[in-house]
Amino acid sequence: MLHWVGFNLLLNRAKIRFFCEDETRIGLKTLTGRKITKKGIKPIGAVQWQFQATYLYGIVEPLTGENFFWEFSHLNTDCFQIFLNLISQQFEESLLIILLDNGAFHKAKRLRVPNNIILFFQPAHCPELNPIEQVWQYLKRRLR
């Protein structure tokens, strides 16, 4: 449903923009490998490294390549709400249509979508439809 403010933006000929949104986890991962020891001696060492991660939330406009990214500690409704508010402020003169997946935190009842944003959900289990997935692949290949 188009919010009243969004409708007023349309009437005032605000710039309508289409963005793709997604999140990704970046952080340390446990590395497995063999230790060199003498035959018959069990290797002694840490079996689990501490796991640390951060989450990147991002939007990309396929038409222009313009983007906006923000780092968060968690992947949840609270962080997504903050991200939407930041996007709304960053592009306050535009009406934004944002394509995103069907994550539960994207659809939480307590989520308050800003008036200049319309969320457009892609079909379930179809991440290949969202162009920002290519951005994450590009970033992660260079972070190894």
N, C-alpha and C. Protein backbone atom coordinates (compact mmCIF):
# COMPACT_ATOMS: atom_id res chain seq x y z
N MET A 1 0.85 -1.18 0.00
CA MET A 1 0.00 0.00 0.00
C MET A 1 0.89 1.24 0.00
N LEU A 2 0.58 2.19 -0.82
CA LEU A 2 1.34 3.43 -0.91
C LEU A 2 0.94 4.36 0.22
N HIS A 3 1.91 4.78 0.99
CA HIS A 3 1.64 5.69 2.10
C HIS A 3 1.20 7.06 1.57
N TRP A 4 0.51 7.81 2.39
CA TRP A 4 0.01 9.12 2.01
C TRP A 4 1.14 10.05 1.59
N VAL A 5 2.25 10.05 2.36
CA VAL A 5 3.39 10.90 2.01
C VAL A 5 3.99 10.46 0.69
N GLY A 6 4.06 9.13 0.47
CA GLY A 6 4.56 8.62 -0.80
C GLY A 6 3.69 9.07 -1.96
N PHE A 7 2.37 9.08 -1.75
CA PHE A 7 1.45 9.55 -2.78
C PHE A 7 1.67 11.03 -3.06
N ASN A 8 1.89 11.82 -2.00
CA ASN A 8 2.17 13.24 -2.18
C ASN A 8 3.48 13.46 -2.94
N LEU A 9 4.49 12.62 -2.66
CA LEU A 9 5.75 12.72 -3.41
C LEU A 9 5.51 12.47 -4.90
N LEU A 10 4.65 11.48 -5.21
CA LEU A 10 4.33 11.21 -6.61
C LEU A 10 3.63 12.40 -7.25
N LEU A 11 2.68 12.98 -6.54
CA LEU A 11 1.95 14.14 -7.07
C LEU A 11 2.89 15.31 -7.32
N ASN A 12 3.89 15.46 -6.47
CA ASN A 12 4.84 16.56 -6.61
C ASN A 12 5.99 16.21 -7.56
N ARG A 13 5.81 15.13 -8.29
CA ARG A 13 6.80 14.70 -9.27
C ARG A 13 8.18 14.42 -8.66
N ALA A 14 8.17 13.77 -7.51
CA ALA A 14 9.43 13.36 -6.90
C ALA A 14 10.08 12.31 -7.79
N LYS A 15 11.36 12.23 -7.70
CA LYS A 15 12.10 11.25 -8.48
C LYS A 15 11.80 9.86 -7.92
N ILE A 16 11.36 8.96 -8.76
CA ILE A 16 11.08 7.58 -8.35
C ILE A 16 12.31 6.75 -8.71
N ARG A 17 12.83 6.03 -7.72
CA ARG A 17 14.06 5.27 -7.93
C ARG A 17 13.84 3.82 -7.49
N PHE A 18 14.53 2.91 -8.20
CA PHE A 18 14.43 1.48 -7.91
C PHE A 18 15.78 0.99 -7.39
N PHE A 19 15.77 0.38 -6.21
CA PHE A 19 16.98 -0.16 -5.60
C PHE A 19 16.79 -1.63 -5.28
N CYS A 20 17.90 -2.35 -5.18
CA CYS A 20 17.90 -3.75 -4.75
C CYS A 20 18.60 -3.80 -3.39
N GLU A 21 18.00 -4.53 -2.43
CA GLU A 21 18.53 -4.57 -1.07
C GLU A 21 18.83 -6.00 -0.66
N ASP A 22 19.89 -6.16 0.14
CA ASP A 22 20.20 -7.45 0.73
C ASP A 22 21.20 -7.24 1.84
N GLU A 23 21.45 -8.32 2.58
CA GLU A 23 22.42 -8.31 3.65
C GLU A 23 23.38 -9.48 3.45
N THR A 24 24.59 -9.35 3.98
CA THR A 24 25.54 -10.45 3.93
C THR A 24 26.39 -10.45 5.18
N ARG A 25 26.86 -11.64 5.55
CA ARG A 25 27.72 -11.78 6.72
C ARG A 25 29.17 -11.80 6.26
N ILE A 26 29.98 -11.04 6.97
CA ILE A 26 31.42 -11.00 6.69
C ILE A 26 32.12 -11.22 8.02
N GLY A 27 33.09 -12.11 8.04
CA GLY A 27 33.80 -12.32 9.29
C GLY A 27 34.75 -13.49 9.22
N LEU A 28 35.32 -13.81 10.37
CA LEU A 28 36.24 -14.93 10.47
C LEU A 28 35.47 -16.23 10.42
N LYS A 29 36.01 -17.19 9.72
CA LYS A 29 35.41 -18.50 9.66
C LYS A 29 36.43 -19.52 10.16
N THR A 30 35.93 -20.58 10.73
CA THR A 30 36.81 -21.63 11.20
C THR A 30 37.51 -22.27 10.02
N LEU A 31 38.83 -22.41 10.12
CA LEU A 31 39.62 -23.04 9.08
C LEU A 31 40.00 -24.44 9.54
N THR A 32 39.81 -25.39 8.68
CA THR A 32 40.20 -26.75 9.02
C THR A 32 41.41 -27.12 8.20
N GLY A 33 42.23 -27.97 8.74
CA GLY A 33 43.42 -28.40 8.03
C GLY A 33 44.16 -29.43 8.84
N ARG A 34 45.20 -29.99 8.27
CA ARG A 34 45.98 -31.02 8.94
C ARG A 34 47.21 -30.41 9.58
N LYS A 35 47.64 -31.03 10.67
CA LYS A 35 48.88 -30.63 11.33
C LYS A 35 49.91 -31.73 11.06
N ILE A 36 51.12 -31.31 10.88
CA ILE A 36 52.18 -32.28 10.62
C ILE A 36 52.74 -32.75 11.97
N THR A 37 52.74 -34.07 12.17
CA THR A 37 53.29 -34.67 13.40
C THR A 37 54.01 -35.95 13.03
N LYS A 38 54.71 -36.48 14.00
CA LYS A 38 55.36 -37.78 13.80
C LYS A 38 54.28 -38.86 13.69
N LYS A 39 54.61 -39.92 12.99
CA LYS A 39 53.67 -41.01 12.82
C LYS A 39 53.28 -41.56 14.20
N GLY A 40 51.97 -41.74 14.39
CA GLY A 40 51.48 -42.29 15.64
C GLY A 40 51.21 -41.26 16.73
N ILE A 41 51.53 -40.00 16.49
CA ILE A 41 51.29 -38.94 17.48
C ILE A 41 50.09 -38.12 17.02
N LYS A 42 49.13 -37.98 17.94
CA LYS A 42 47.95 -37.15 17.63
C LYS A 42 48.33 -35.68 17.69
N PRO A 43 47.89 -34.90 16.71
CA PRO A 43 48.16 -33.46 16.78
C PRO A 43 47.37 -32.82 17.92
N ILE A 44 47.99 -31.87 18.62
CA ILE A 44 47.33 -31.14 19.70
C ILE A 44 47.15 -29.71 19.22
N GLY A 45 45.94 -29.19 19.34
CA GLY A 45 45.69 -27.82 18.92
C GLY A 45 44.24 -27.45 19.13
N ALA A 46 43.97 -26.20 18.91
CA ALA A 46 42.59 -25.70 19.07
C ALA A 46 41.71 -26.35 18.01
N VAL A 47 40.53 -26.78 18.43
CA VAL A 47 39.63 -27.42 17.48
C VAL A 47 38.58 -26.44 16.94
N GLN A 48 38.36 -25.35 17.64
CA GLN A 48 37.36 -24.38 17.20
C GLN A 48 37.88 -22.97 17.45
N TRP A 49 37.96 -22.19 16.40
CA TRP A 49 38.34 -20.80 16.56
C TRP A 49 37.12 -19.99 16.94
N GLN A 50 37.35 -18.91 17.64
CA GLN A 50 36.22 -18.04 17.98
C GLN A 50 35.67 -17.43 16.69
N PHE A 51 34.35 -17.45 16.57
CA PHE A 51 33.71 -16.93 15.36
C PHE A 51 33.27 -15.49 15.60
N GLN A 52 33.69 -14.61 14.73
CA GLN A 52 33.29 -13.21 14.80
C GLN A 52 32.74 -12.82 13.43
N ALA A 53 31.67 -12.08 13.44
CA ALA A 53 31.08 -11.68 12.17
C ALA A 53 30.49 -10.29 12.29
N THR A 54 30.37 -9.67 11.17
CA THR A 54 29.65 -8.41 11.06
C THR A 54 28.73 -8.55 9.85
N TYR A 55 27.72 -7.76 9.80
CA TYR A 55 26.75 -7.85 8.71
C TYR A 55 26.73 -6.55 7.93
N LEU A 56 26.81 -6.67 6.62
CA LEU A 56 26.68 -5.51 5.73
C LEU A 56 25.27 -5.51 5.17
N TYR A 57 24.61 -4.39 5.33
CA TYR A 57 23.31 -4.15 4.72
C TYR A 57 23.58 -3.20 3.56
N GLY A 58 22.95 -3.45 2.42
CA GLY A 58 23.22 -2.57 1.30
C GLY A 58 22.07 -2.45 0.32
N ILE A 59 22.07 -1.34 -0.40
CA ILE A 59 21.16 -1.15 -1.52
C ILE A 59 21.99 -0.68 -2.72
N VAL A 60 21.57 -1.09 -3.90
CA VAL A 60 22.22 -0.69 -5.15
C VAL A 60 21.13 -0.35 -6.15
N GLU A 61 21.31 0.74 -6.85
CA GLU A 61 20.39 1.12 -7.93
C GLU A 61 20.98 0.57 -9.24
N PRO A 62 20.38 -0.48 -9.82
CA PRO A 62 20.96 -1.07 -11.03
C PRO A 62 21.14 -0.10 -12.18
N LEU A 63 20.24 0.86 -12.31
CA LEU A 63 20.30 1.80 -13.43
C LEU A 63 21.54 2.68 -13.38
N THR A 64 21.91 3.16 -12.20
CA THR A 64 23.01 4.11 -12.07
C THR A 64 24.23 3.56 -11.34
N GLY A 65 24.03 2.49 -10.58
CA GLY A 65 25.13 1.97 -9.75
C GLY A 65 25.25 2.68 -8.42
N GLU A 66 24.41 3.69 -8.18
CA GLU A 66 24.46 4.38 -6.90
C GLU A 66 24.13 3.38 -5.79
N ASN A 67 24.80 3.53 -4.66
CA ASN A 67 24.63 2.54 -3.60
C ASN A 67 24.73 3.19 -2.23
N PHE A 68 24.33 2.41 -1.24
CA PHE A 68 24.39 2.84 0.15
C PHE A 68 24.56 1.58 1.00
N PHE A 69 25.62 1.54 1.81
CA PHE A 69 25.92 0.38 2.65
C PHE A 69 26.09 0.82 4.09
N TRP A 70 25.77 -0.08 5.01
CA TRP A 70 25.94 0.21 6.44
C TRP A 70 26.29 -1.10 7.14
N GLU A 71 27.18 -1.01 8.11
CA GLU A 71 27.62 -2.19 8.86
C GLU A 71 26.85 -2.30 10.17
N PHE A 72 26.38 -3.51 10.47
CA PHE A 72 25.65 -3.78 11.71
C PHE A 72 26.22 -5.02 12.40
N SER A 73 25.93 -5.14 13.68
CA SER A 73 26.40 -6.28 14.45
C SER A 73 25.48 -7.49 14.34
N HIS A 74 24.24 -7.28 13.94
CA HIS A 74 23.26 -8.37 13.90
C HIS A 74 22.43 -8.31 12.62
N LEU A 75 21.77 -9.40 12.36
CA LEU A 75 20.84 -9.49 11.25
C LEU A 75 19.46 -9.70 11.85
N ASN A 76 18.74 -8.59 12.07
CA ASN A 76 17.44 -8.69 12.73
C ASN A 76 16.57 -7.48 12.38
N THR A 77 15.36 -7.47 12.91
CA THR A 77 14.41 -6.41 12.60
C THR A 77 14.89 -5.04 13.09
N ASP A 78 15.49 -5.00 14.28
CA ASP A 78 15.95 -3.72 14.83
C ASP A 78 16.99 -3.06 13.93
N CYS A 79 17.96 -3.85 13.49
CA CYS A 79 19.00 -3.31 12.60
C CYS A 79 18.41 -2.93 11.24
N PHE A 80 17.49 -3.75 10.74
CA PHE A 80 16.86 -3.44 9.46
C PHE A 80 16.05 -2.15 9.55
N GLN A 81 15.38 -1.93 10.67
CA GLN A 81 14.62 -0.68 10.87
C GLN A 81 15.55 0.52 10.82
N ILE A 82 16.69 0.43 11.51
CA ILE A 82 17.66 1.52 11.50
C ILE A 82 18.15 1.76 10.07
N PHE A 83 18.42 0.67 9.34
CA PHE A 83 18.89 0.79 7.96
C PHE A 83 17.86 1.49 7.08
N LEU A 84 16.59 1.10 7.20
CA LEU A 84 15.54 1.77 6.42
C LEU A 84 15.47 3.26 6.75
N ASN A 85 15.59 3.59 8.02
CA ASN A 85 15.55 5.01 8.41
C ASN A 85 16.73 5.77 7.82
N LEU A 86 17.91 5.16 7.80
CA LEU A 86 19.09 5.80 7.20
C LEU A 86 18.91 6.00 5.69
N ILE A 87 18.36 4.99 5.03
CA ILE A 87 18.09 5.09 3.58
C ILE A 87 17.11 6.23 3.32
N SER A 88 16.05 6.27 4.12
CA SER A 88 15.03 7.31 3.96
C SER A 88 15.63 8.70 4.07
N GLN A 89 16.52 8.88 5.03
CA GLN A 89 17.18 10.19 5.20
C GLN A 89 18.13 10.49 4.05
N GLN A 90 18.87 9.46 3.61
CA GLN A 90 19.86 9.66 2.54
C GLN A 90 19.20 10.07 1.22
N PHE A 91 18.01 9.55 0.97
CA PHE A 91 17.30 9.81 -0.29
C PHE A 91 15.95 10.45 -0.01
N GLU A 92 15.92 11.43 0.86
CA GLU A 92 14.65 12.00 1.32
C GLU A 92 13.84 12.70 0.24
N GLU A 93 14.44 13.11 -0.86
CA GLU A 93 13.72 13.80 -1.93
C GLU A 93 13.17 12.83 -2.97
N SER A 94 13.37 11.53 -2.78
CA SER A 94 12.95 10.53 -3.77
C SER A 94 11.97 9.55 -3.16
N LEU A 95 11.17 8.95 -4.03
CA LEU A 95 10.33 7.83 -3.64
C LEU A 95 11.09 6.58 -4.06
N LEU A 96 11.40 5.70 -3.12
CA LEU A 96 12.23 4.54 -3.37
C LEU A 96 11.40 3.26 -3.41
N ILE A 97 11.56 2.50 -4.46
CA ILE A 97 11.00 1.16 -4.54
C ILE A 97 12.18 0.23 -4.33
N ILE A 98 12.11 -0.60 -3.30
CA ILE A 98 13.26 -1.43 -2.92
C ILE A 98 12.88 -2.90 -3.03
N LEU A 99 13.62 -3.62 -3.90
CA LEU A 99 13.45 -5.06 -4.06
C LEU A 99 14.24 -5.77 -2.97
N LEU A 100 13.60 -6.72 -2.28
CA LEU A 100 14.29 -7.47 -1.24
C LEU A 100 13.70 -8.86 -1.10
N ASP A 101 14.41 -9.72 -0.38
CA ASP A 101 13.95 -11.10 -0.21
C ASP A 101 12.88 -11.19 0.87
N ASN A 102 12.42 -12.38 1.13
CA ASN A 102 11.32 -12.60 2.07
C ASN A 102 11.79 -12.94 3.47
N GLY A 103 12.93 -12.41 3.90
CA GLY A 103 13.41 -12.64 5.26
C GLY A 103 12.35 -12.24 6.27
N ALA A 104 12.23 -13.03 7.34
CA ALA A 104 11.19 -12.77 8.35
C ALA A 104 11.32 -11.37 8.94
N PHE A 105 12.55 -10.91 9.14
CA PHE A 105 12.73 -9.59 9.75
C PHE A 105 12.37 -8.46 8.78
N HIS A 106 12.28 -8.75 7.48
CA HIS A 106 11.82 -7.75 6.51
C HIS A 106 10.31 -7.53 6.60
N LYS A 107 9.60 -8.51 7.18
CA LYS A 107 8.14 -8.46 7.22
C LYS A 107 7.58 -8.39 8.64
N ALA A 108 8.43 -8.12 9.62
CA ALA A 108 7.98 -8.09 11.01
C ALA A 108 6.87 -7.06 11.21
N LYS A 109 5.90 -7.40 12.04
CA LYS A 109 4.77 -6.50 12.27
C LYS A 109 5.19 -5.18 12.91
N ARG A 110 6.25 -5.21 13.69
CA ARG A 110 6.69 -3.98 14.37
C ARG A 110 7.54 -3.08 13.48
N LEU A 111 7.86 -3.55 12.27
CA LEU A 111 8.65 -2.75 11.34
C LEU A 111 7.83 -1.56 10.86
N ARG A 112 8.42 -0.39 10.88
CA ARG A 112 7.77 0.85 10.42
C ARG A 112 8.51 1.36 9.18
N VAL A 113 7.92 1.11 8.03
CA VAL A 113 8.56 1.51 6.77
C VAL A 113 8.38 3.01 6.59
N PRO A 114 9.48 3.75 6.38
CA PRO A 114 9.37 5.19 6.16
C PRO A 114 8.46 5.51 4.98
N ASN A 115 7.89 6.69 5.00
CA ASN A 115 6.89 7.09 4.00
C ASN A 115 7.41 7.20 2.58
N ASN A 116 8.70 7.40 2.40
CA ASN A 116 9.23 7.53 1.04
C ASN A 116 9.82 6.22 0.51
N ILE A 117 9.47 5.09 1.16
CA ILE A 117 9.98 3.78 0.75
C ILE A 117 8.81 2.82 0.54
N ILE A 118 8.87 2.09 -0.58
CA ILE A 118 7.93 1.02 -0.86
C ILE A 118 8.76 -0.26 -0.96
N LEU A 119 8.43 -1.27 -0.14
CA LEU A 119 9.13 -2.55 -0.18
C LEU A 119 8.46 -3.46 -1.21
N PHE A 120 9.27 -4.04 -2.07
CA PHE A 120 8.81 -4.91 -3.14
C PHE A 120 9.50 -6.26 -2.96
N PHE A 121 8.75 -7.29 -2.60
CA PHE A 121 9.34 -8.58 -2.26
C PHE A 121 9.47 -9.48 -3.48
N GLN A 122 10.66 -10.05 -3.65
CA GLN A 122 10.90 -10.97 -4.75
C GLN A 122 10.33 -12.34 -4.40
N PRO A 123 10.11 -13.21 -5.39
CA PRO A 123 9.60 -14.55 -5.10
C PRO A 123 10.53 -15.31 -4.15
N ALA A 124 9.96 -16.18 -3.35
CA ALA A 124 10.74 -16.96 -2.39
C ALA A 124 11.75 -17.86 -3.11
N HIS A 125 12.89 -18.04 -2.47
CA HIS A 125 13.95 -18.95 -2.95
C HIS A 125 14.47 -18.58 -4.33
N CYS A 126 14.56 -17.29 -4.63
CA CYS A 126 15.05 -16.82 -5.93
C CYS A 126 16.11 -15.72 -5.76
N PRO A 127 17.20 -15.99 -5.04
CA PRO A 127 18.19 -14.93 -4.82
C PRO A 127 18.84 -14.44 -6.12
N GLU A 128 18.83 -15.28 -7.16
CA GLU A 128 19.46 -14.88 -8.42
C GLU A 128 18.72 -13.73 -9.10
N LEU A 129 17.51 -13.43 -8.65
CA LEU A 129 16.74 -12.32 -9.22
C LEU A 129 17.21 -10.96 -8.69
N ASN A 130 17.97 -10.96 -7.62
CA ASN A 130 18.39 -9.72 -6.98
C ASN A 130 19.83 -9.38 -7.39
N PRO A 131 20.02 -8.33 -8.19
CA PRO A 131 21.36 -7.98 -8.68
C PRO A 131 22.40 -7.71 -7.59
N ILE A 132 21.98 -7.35 -6.38
CA ILE A 132 22.97 -7.06 -5.34
C ILE A 132 23.73 -8.33 -4.92
N GLU A 133 23.19 -9.50 -5.22
CA GLU A 133 23.90 -10.75 -4.93
C GLU A 133 25.25 -10.77 -5.66
N GLN A 134 25.31 -10.17 -6.84
CA GLN A 134 26.57 -10.09 -7.57
C GLN A 134 27.59 -9.21 -6.86
N VAL A 135 27.10 -8.17 -6.20
CA VAL A 135 27.98 -7.28 -5.43
C VAL A 135 28.62 -8.06 -4.28
N TRP A 136 27.81 -8.85 -3.57
CA TRP A 136 28.36 -9.63 -2.45
C TRP A 136 29.41 -10.62 -2.94
N GLN A 137 29.15 -11.30 -4.07
CA GLN A 137 30.14 -12.25 -4.61
C GLN A 137 31.44 -11.54 -4.95
N TYR A 138 31.35 -10.39 -5.56
CA TYR A 138 32.52 -9.60 -5.92
C TYR A 138 33.33 -9.22 -4.68
N LEU A 139 32.64 -8.72 -3.65
CA LEU A 139 33.32 -8.32 -2.41
C LEU A 139 34.00 -9.51 -1.72
N LYS A 140 33.28 -10.60 -1.60
CA LYS A 140 33.80 -11.75 -0.85
C LYS A 140 34.98 -12.42 -1.56
N ARG A 141 34.99 -12.40 -2.88
CA ARG A 141 36.15 -12.95 -3.61
C ARG A 141 37.42 -12.18 -3.29
N ARG A 142 37.30 -10.89 -3.05
CA ARG A 142 38.46 -10.05 -2.78
C ARG A 142 38.82 -9.97 -1.30
N LEU A 143 37.96 -10.48 -0.43
CA LEU A 143 38.22 -10.45 1.01
C LEU A 143 38.87 -11.74 1.52
N ARG A 144 39.01 -12.74 0.71
CA ARG A 144 39.57 -14.02 1.17
C ARG A 144 41.01 -13.85 1.60
